[in-house]
Amino acid sequence: MKRKLFQVIGTLLACMGVMMLTASQRLSPHFDARPAIAAMTRRGIINDRASWQTICTQTDNGRQITSVTQLSRLLQRANRHSFAVSNIKQVEHHQLPRLVTDHRLKLINVPGFFSQRRAIQKQYW
């Protein structure tokens, strides 16, 4: 009896977990991937144009895309360096350049950088 009860509870918890995961991948009905698809089509570096046109056709130019995860996957199929994020802070990178002296040789490390905040951009420059 206890074993059966634990199996039922376990199954219910697993189903709830799957439902929560699925719900977290969805956005509001106002999610619109069309601007991202249009920008990629106009200005993106696309590795395989024919494949990208197929993706655009299958998704009705982004109208059928319902989540950031799905949009990101499609953008990466066009170019592996492209992706979508739900918040710009996920891709901000603020490592500043630094100067290191090694045996009278001065080395400047200039790391990759991305931020839309003007104050941080000025500090980096």
C-alpha atoms as a PDB file:
ATOM      1  CA  MET A   1       0.000   0.000   0.000  1.00  0.00           C
ATOM      2  CA  LYS A   2       2.760   2.449   0.969  1.00  0.00           C
ATOM      3  CA  ARG A   3       4.753   1.552  -2.125  1.00  0.00           C
ATOM      4  CA  LYS A   4       1.758   2.267  -4.380  1.00  0.00           C
ATOM      5  CA  LEU A   5       1.166   5.589  -2.612  1.00  0.00           C
ATOM      6  CA  PHE A   6       4.817   6.608  -3.117  1.00  0.00           C
ATOM      7  CA  GLN A   7       4.599   5.670  -6.809  1.00  0.00           C
ATOM      8  CA  VAL A   8       1.491   7.817  -7.281  1.00  0.00           C
ATOM      9  CA  ILE A   9       3.064  10.767  -5.424  1.00  0.00           C
ATOM     10  CA  GLY A  10       6.292  10.373  -7.414  1.00  0.00           C
ATOM     11  CA  THR A  11       4.391  10.293 -10.694  1.00  0.00           C
ATOM     12  CA  LEU A  12       2.403  13.395  -9.724  1.00  0.00           C
ATOM     13  CA  LEU A  13       5.584  15.274  -8.747  1.00  0.00           C
ATOM     14  CA  ALA A  14       7.268  14.307 -12.020  1.00  0.00           C
ATOM     15  CA  CYS A  15       4.252  15.495 -14.022  1.00  0.00           C
ATOM     16  CA  MET A  16       4.166  18.767 -12.106  1.00  0.00           C
ATOM     17  CA  GLY A  17       7.883  19.264 -12.763  1.00  0.00           C
ATOM     18  CA  VAL A  18       7.436  18.720 -16.498  1.00  0.00           C
ATOM     19  CA  MET A  19       4.471  21.100 -16.549  1.00  0.00           C
ATOM     20  CA  MET A  20       6.438  23.795 -14.687  1.00  0.00           C
ATOM     21  CA  LEU A  21       9.411  23.394 -17.008  1.00  0.00           C
ATOM     22  CA  THR A  22       7.176  23.655 -20.059  1.00  0.00           C
ATOM     23  CA  ALA A  23       5.381  26.701 -18.654  1.00  0.00           C
ATOM     24  CA  SER A  24       8.684  28.437 -17.907  1.00  0.00           C
ATOM     25  CA  GLN A  25       9.737  28.028 -21.548  1.00  0.00           C
ATOM     26  CA  ARG A  26       6.599  29.839 -22.728  1.00  0.00           C
ATOM     27  CA  LEU A  27       6.212  33.579 -22.662  1.00  0.00           C
ATOM     28  CA  SER A  28       3.170  35.745 -22.697  1.00  0.00           C
ATOM     29  CA  PRO A  29       0.970  35.645 -25.789  1.00  0.00           C
ATOM     30  CA  HIS A  30       2.464  39.036 -26.659  1.00  0.00           C
ATOM     31  CA  PHE A  31       5.876  37.491 -27.428  1.00  0.00           C
ATOM     32  CA  ASP A  32       6.869  38.513 -30.927  1.00  0.00           C
ATOM     33  CA  ALA A  33       9.934  36.966 -32.559  1.00  0.00           C
ATOM     34  CA  ARG A  34       9.332  38.713 -35.896  1.00  0.00           C
ATOM     35  CA  PRO A  35      11.730  41.641 -35.241  1.00  0.00           C
ATOM     36  CA  ALA A  36      14.565  39.230 -34.398  1.00  0.00           C
ATOM     37  CA  ILE A  37      13.877  37.092 -37.469  1.00  0.00           C
ATOM     38  CA  ALA A  38      13.700  40.190 -39.677  1.00  0.00           C
ATOM     39  CA  ALA A  39      16.945  41.598 -38.249  1.00  0.00           C
ATOM     40  CA  MET A  40      18.728  38.284 -38.786  1.00  0.00           C
ATOM     41  CA  THR A  41      17.429  38.112 -42.350  1.00  0.00           C
ATOM     42  CA  ARG A  42      18.541  41.680 -43.157  1.00  0.00           C
ATOM     43  CA  ARG A  43      21.779  42.079 -41.217  1.00  0.00           C
ATOM     44  CA  GLY A  44      22.780  38.687 -39.819  1.00  0.00           C
ATOM     45  CA  ILE A  45      25.618  36.517 -41.012  1.00  0.00           C
ATOM     46  CA  ILE A  46      23.772  33.430 -42.218  1.00  0.00           C
ATOM     47  CA  ASN A  47      25.779  30.310 -43.013  1.00  0.00           C
ATOM     48  CA  ASP A  48      23.134  28.618 -45.176  1.00  0.00           C
ATOM     49  CA  ARG A  49      20.628  30.991 -46.810  1.00  0.00           C
ATOM     50  CA  ALA A  50      18.444  28.191 -48.214  1.00  0.00           C
ATOM     51  CA  SER A  51      18.078  26.613 -44.768  1.00  0.00           C
ATOM     52  CA  TRP A  52      17.309  30.010 -43.239  1.00  0.00           C
ATOM     53  CA  GLN A  53      14.591  30.649 -45.829  1.00  0.00           C
ATOM     54  CA  THR A  54      13.068  27.268 -44.933  1.00  0.00           C
ATOM     55  CA  ILE A  55      13.101  28.217 -41.230  1.00  0.00           C
ATOM     56  CA  CYS A  56      11.431  31.556 -42.023  1.00  0.00           C
ATOM     57  CA  THR A  57       8.763  29.821 -44.081  1.00  0.00           C
ATOM     58  CA  GLN A  58       8.101  27.122 -41.471  1.00  0.00           C
ATOM     59  CA  THR A  59       7.721  29.676 -38.660  1.00  0.00           C
ATOM     60  CA  ASP A  60       5.752  32.213 -40.752  1.00  0.00           C
ATOM     61  CA  ASN A  61       8.624  34.708 -40.351  1.00  0.00           C
ATOM     62  CA  GLY A  62       8.633  34.237 -36.572  1.00  0.00           C
ATOM     63  CA  ARG A  63       4.888  34.328 -35.885  1.00  0.00           C
ATOM     64  CA  GLN A  64       4.858  30.699 -34.700  1.00  0.00           C
ATOM     65  CA  ILE A  65       7.811  31.082 -32.335  1.00  0.00           C
ATOM     66  CA  THR A  66       6.535  31.151 -28.750  1.00  0.00           C
ATOM     67  CA  SER A  67       9.636  31.308 -26.527  1.00  0.00           C
ATOM     68  CA  VAL A  68      13.084  32.817 -26.276  1.00  0.00           C
ATOM     69  CA  THR A  69      14.569  29.327 -26.107  1.00  0.00           C
ATOM     70  CA  GLN A  70      12.951  28.349 -29.390  1.00  0.00           C
ATOM     71  CA  LEU A  71      14.020  31.627 -31.025  1.00  0.00           C
ATOM     72  CA  SER A  72      17.585  31.164 -29.815  1.00  0.00           C
ATOM     73  CA  ARG A  73      17.741  27.635 -31.231  1.00  0.00           C
ATOM     74  CA  LEU A  74      16.571  28.854 -34.642  1.00  0.00           C
ATOM     75  CA  LEU A  75      19.020  31.770 -34.692  1.00  0.00           C
ATOM     76  CA  GLN A  76      21.854  29.377 -33.877  1.00  0.00           C
ATOM     77  CA  ARG A  77      20.852  27.207 -36.831  1.00  0.00           C
ATOM     78  CA  ALA A  78      21.454  30.248 -39.038  1.00  0.00           C
ATOM     79  CA  ASN A  79      24.752  31.141 -37.361  1.00  0.00           C
ATOM     80  CA  ARG A  80      26.216  29.327 -34.362  1.00  0.00           C
ATOM     81  CA  HIS A  81      27.312  32.639 -32.786  1.00  0.00           C
ATOM     82  CA  SER A  82      23.782  34.101 -32.798  1.00  0.00           C
ATOM     83  CA  PHE A  83      21.354  33.670 -29.927  1.00  0.00           C
ATOM     84  CA  ALA A  84      18.410  35.276 -28.168  1.00  0.00           C
ATOM     85  CA  VAL A  85      18.111  36.110 -24.476  1.00  0.00           C
ATOM     86  CA  SER A  86      15.155  37.176 -22.392  1.00  0.00           C
ATOM     87  CA  ASN A  87      17.195  39.832 -20.577  1.00  0.00           C
ATOM     88  CA  ILE A  88      20.140  41.843 -21.946  1.00  0.00           C
ATOM     89  CA  LYS A  89      21.924  41.473 -18.586  1.00  0.00           C
ATOM     90  CA  GLN A  90      22.487  37.802 -19.432  1.00  0.00           C
ATOM     91  CA  VAL A  91      25.063  38.752 -22.067  1.00  0.00           C
ATOM     92  CA  GLU A  92      26.696  41.789 -20.489  1.00  0.00           C
ATOM     93  CA  HIS A  93      30.411  41.329 -19.992  1.00  0.00           C
ATOM     94  CA  HIS A  94      32.264  43.983 -17.990  1.00  0.00           C
ATOM     95  CA  GLN A  95      35.857  42.875 -17.706  1.00  0.00           C
ATOM     96  CA  LEU A  96      38.015  45.985 -18.089  1.00  0.00           C
ATOM     97  CA  PRO A  97      41.421  46.130 -19.807  1.00  0.00           C
ATOM     98  CA  ARG A  98      44.450  45.801 -17.543  1.00  0.00           C
ATOM     99  CA  LEU A  99      48.150  46.454 -17.792  1.00  0.00           C
ATOM    100  CA  VAL A 100      50.693  43.854 -16.645  1.00  0.00           C
ATOM    101  CA  THR A 101      54.457  44.392 -16.489  1.00  0.00           C
ATOM    102  CA  ASP A 102      56.620  41.325 -17.033  1.00  0.00           C
ATOM    103  CA  HIS A 103      60.422  41.705 -17.190  1.00  0.00           C
ATOM    104  CA  ARG A 104      60.233  45.374 -18.261  1.00  0.00           C
ATOM    105  CA  LEU A 105      57.697  44.428 -20.951  1.00  0.00           C
ATOM    106  CA  LYS A 106      54.266  45.986 -20.611  1.00  0.00           C
ATOM    107  CA  LEU A 107      51.378  43.785 -21.714  1.00  0.00           C
ATOM    108  CA  ILE A 108      47.882  45.144 -22.200  1.00  0.00           C
ATOM    109  CA  ASN A 109      45.046  42.673 -21.878  1.00  0.00           C
ATOM    110  CA  VAL A 110      42.011  43.913 -23.833  1.00  0.00           C
ATOM    111  CA  PRO A 111      39.140  41.501 -23.094  1.00  0.00           C
ATOM    112  CA  GLY A 112      35.923  41.130 -25.012  1.00  0.00           C
ATOM    113  CA  PHE A 113      33.262  43.528 -23.804  1.00  0.00           C
ATOM    114  CA  PHE A 114      29.526  44.094 -24.185  1.00  0.00           C
ATOM    115  CA  SER A 115      27.252  46.463 -22.325  1.00  0.00           C
ATOM    116  CA  GLN A 116      24.461  48.807 -23.275  1.00  0.00           C
ATOM    117  CA  ARG A 117      25.080  50.998 -20.235  1.00  0.00           C
ATOM    118  CA  ARG A 118      26.816  54.207 -21.342  1.00  0.00           C
ATOM    119  CA  ALA A 119      28.757  54.753 -18.084  1.00  0.00           C
ATOM    120  CA  ILE A 120      30.360  51.300 -18.286  1.00  0.00           C
ATOM    121  CA  GLN A 121      31.145  51.797 -21.994  1.00  0.00           C
ATOM    122  CA  LYS A 122      32.961  55.061 -21.200  1.00  0.00           C
ATOM    123  CA  GLN A 123      34.915  53.383 -18.399  1.00  0.00           C
ATOM    124  CA  TYR A 124      35.987  50.633 -20.804  1.00  0.00           C
ATOM    125  CA  TRP A 125      37.023  53.128 -23.497  1.00  0.00           C
END
